[in-house]
Amino acid sequence: MRRVLVGLIAAFSLSVPAAADPGQEFAEWAGELRVEAMSRANIAAGAPAAPALPLDVEDPFYFEMEAFVTDALRLSRLVADNDGPQDLQCIFRGMSNDAAARLEALNAAERRSDQARTYRAIANLMRDAMQIAPAVDEEVMTETGLPECRAGGG
């Protein structure tokens, strides 16, 4: 089921016309996800010793996180297609990988305290996305000369 959803998300992302300011739209969306992640972190922290509640694939947050994974890769490709900085491409691939890992960590958590930490980490990732994504919209992106992604950058 998960692979089907990812495939549908990817197909939908490719079929939607490109936004005028994709970085800004991504940043705004990341802000919405950040608010939701913080809210969920606070709820989970309220019962730290309780067993974790895995996300259901029908949970809107699960779906949004899967879409974030795909759209971060799309932004990386957009930067590459416009001969943008290699490090910016790597940052978005890293965000995609990080979001996927955090989603898995939410479902692998044993206690709600573990989930609270993971939700906070997601909120921090979304904060970073809010700050970095608008760089995609810059009119002129110059090549930085970095030959490949640095370790941990995706």
Protein backbone atom coordinates (compact mmCIF):
# COMPACT_ATOMS: atom_id res chain seq x y z
CA MET A 1 0.00 0.00 0.00
CA ARG A 2 2.81 2.37 0.93
CA ARG A 3 4.54 1.90 -2.44
CA VAL A 4 1.28 2.55 -4.24
CA LEU A 5 0.84 5.83 -2.36
CA VAL A 6 4.41 6.91 -3.06
CA GLY A 7 3.90 6.08 -6.73
CA LEU A 8 0.69 8.07 -6.86
CA ILE A 9 2.33 11.00 -5.13
CA ALA A 10 5.24 10.93 -7.56
CA ALA A 11 2.90 10.73 -10.56
CA PHE A 12 0.79 13.58 -9.20
CA SER A 13 3.87 15.72 -8.53
CA LEU A 14 5.03 15.26 -12.10
CA SER A 15 1.62 16.04 -13.56
CA VAL A 16 1.04 19.27 -11.66
CA PRO A 17 2.27 22.38 -13.45
CA ALA A 18 5.33 23.95 -11.84
CA ALA A 19 4.55 26.70 -9.37
CA ALA A 20 5.89 30.18 -9.97
CA ASP A 21 7.71 30.12 -6.62
CA PRO A 22 8.18 26.43 -5.76
CA GLY A 23 10.69 27.14 -2.99
CA GLN A 24 8.39 29.58 -1.22
CA GLU A 25 5.43 27.22 -1.53
CA PHE A 26 7.56 24.38 -0.15
CA ALA A 27 8.66 26.62 2.74
CA GLU A 28 5.06 27.51 3.60
CA TRP A 29 4.02 23.86 3.48
CA ALA A 30 6.99 22.95 5.69
CA GLY A 31 5.72 25.56 8.15
CA GLU A 32 2.35 23.82 8.29
CA LEU A 33 4.03 20.45 8.84
CA ARG A 34 6.20 22.00 11.56
CA VAL A 35 3.14 23.20 13.47
CA GLU A 36 1.55 19.75 13.23
CA ALA A 37 4.75 17.99 14.29
CA MET A 38 5.12 20.24 17.35
CA SER A 39 1.51 19.66 18.30
CA ARG A 40 1.99 15.91 18.06
CA ALA A 41 5.26 16.13 20.02
CA ASN A 42 3.47 17.91 22.85
CA ILE A 43 0.67 15.34 22.90
CA ALA A 44 3.13 12.42 22.90
CA ALA A 45 5.23 14.07 25.63
CA GLY A 46 2.11 14.22 27.81
CA ALA A 47 2.25 10.43 28.30
CA PRO A 48 5.96 9.61 27.82
CA ALA A 49 5.87 6.09 29.27
CA ALA A 50 2.79 5.01 27.33
CA PRO A 51 3.21 2.67 24.37
CA ALA A 52 3.80 4.44 21.07
CA LEU A 53 0.95 4.86 18.63
CA PRO A 54 2.16 3.95 15.12
CA LEU A 55 0.95 6.15 12.30
CA ASP A 56 -1.69 4.69 10.07
CA VAL A 57 -1.15 5.11 6.32
CA GLU A 58 -4.48 6.92 6.27
CA ASP A 59 -3.25 9.48 8.80
CA PRO A 60 -3.00 12.82 6.96
CA PHE A 61 0.38 13.53 8.58
CA TYR A 62 1.75 10.24 7.25
CA PHE A 63 0.55 11.15 3.76
CA GLU A 64 1.99 14.67 4.02
CA MET A 65 5.36 13.34 5.18
CA GLU A 66 5.46 10.89 2.25
CA ALA A 67 4.66 13.80 -0.07
CA PHE A 68 7.42 15.87 1.57
CA VAL A 69 9.90 13.08 0.79
CA THR A 70 8.90 13.18 -2.89
CA ASP A 71 8.71 16.96 -3.19
CA ALA A 72 12.12 17.50 -1.57
CA LEU A 73 13.56 15.24 -4.27
CA ARG A 74 11.64 17.21 -6.89
CA LEU A 75 13.21 20.45 -5.63
CA SER A 76 16.65 18.84 -5.76
CA ARG A 77 15.99 17.93 -9.39
CA LEU A 78 14.69 21.44 -10.14
CA VAL A 79 17.92 22.94 -8.81
CA ALA A 80 19.96 20.47 -10.87
CA ASP A 81 17.95 21.13 -14.03
CA ASN A 82 18.64 24.85 -13.64
CA ASP A 83 22.37 24.32 -13.07
CA GLY A 84 21.98 25.44 -9.48
CA PRO A 85 24.46 24.85 -6.68
CA GLN A 86 25.39 21.24 -6.00
CA ASP A 87 25.15 21.79 -2.26
CA LEU A 88 21.54 22.96 -2.58
CA GLN A 89 20.71 19.82 -4.54
CA CYS A 90 22.31 17.74 -1.80
CA ILE A 91 20.45 19.59 0.94
CA PHE A 92 17.08 18.71 -0.56
CA ARG A 93 18.06 15.08 -1.12
CA GLY A 94 19.22 15.00 2.49
CA MET A 95 15.90 16.46 3.65
CA SER A 96 14.08 13.79 1.71
CA ASN A 97 16.16 11.02 3.25
CA ASP A 98 15.84 12.51 6.72
CA ALA A 99 12.06 12.83 6.45
CA ALA A 100 11.76 9.20 5.31
CA ALA A 101 13.94 8.03 8.20
CA ARG A 102 11.94 10.08 10.72
CA LEU A 103 8.70 8.62 9.43
CA GLU A 104 10.09 5.12 9.93
CA ALA A 105 11.31 6.10 13.41
CA LEU A 106 7.80 7.21 14.38
CA ASN A 107 6.48 3.75 13.55
CA ALA A 108 9.42 1.94 15.15
CA ALA A 109 9.16 3.85 18.45
CA GLU A 110 8.30 1.82 21.51
CA ARG A 111 7.21 4.67 23.80
CA ARG A 112 5.49 7.97 23.22
CA SER A 113 8.58 9.71 24.60
CA ASP A 114 10.47 8.28 21.59
CA GLN A 115 7.79 9.59 19.30
CA ALA A 116 7.88 13.01 20.97
CA ARG A 117 11.62 13.24 20.25
CA THR A 118 11.05 12.20 16.65
CA TYR A 119 8.23 14.69 16.16
CA ARG A 120 10.53 17.42 17.53
CA ALA A 121 13.23 16.31 15.08
CA ILE A 122 10.67 16.54 12.27
CA ALA A 123 9.71 20.03 13.44
CA ASN A 124 13.39 21.02 13.32
CA LEU A 125 13.72 19.57 9.82
CA MET A 126 10.69 21.58 8.73
CA ARG A 127 12.18 24.73 10.28
CA ASP A 128 15.30 24.15 8.20
CA ALA A 129 13.19 23.59 5.09
CA MET A 130 11.37 26.86 5.74
CA GLN A 131 14.68 28.71 5.84
CA ILE A 132 16.39 27.00 2.90
CA ALA A 133 13.63 26.35 0.35
CA PRO A 134 13.18 29.98 -0.78
CA ALA A 135 16.73 29.83 -2.19
CA VAL A 136 15.30 27.71 -5.02
CA ASP A 137 13.39 30.75 -6.24
CA GLU A 138 16.42 32.98 -6.60
CA GLU A 139 16.68 34.26 -10.11
CA VAL A 140 20.35 33.43 -10.50
CA MET A 141 21.78 30.27 -8.98
CA THR A 142 25.52 29.97 -9.41
CA GLU A 143 27.48 26.74 -9.51
CA THR A 144 29.50 26.27 -6.31
CA GLY A 145 31.98 23.86 -7.80
CA LEU A 146 31.23 21.07 -5.33
CA PRO A 147 31.72 17.82 -7.25
CA GLU A 148 29.42 15.70 -5.12
CA CYS A 149 27.33 15.70 -1.96
CA ARG A 150 29.24 15.73 1.28
CA ALA A 151 28.85 12.85 3.74
CA GLY A 152 25.46 12.94 5.42
CA GLY A 153 24.04 15.30 2.78
CA GLY A 154 22.18 12.64 0.83
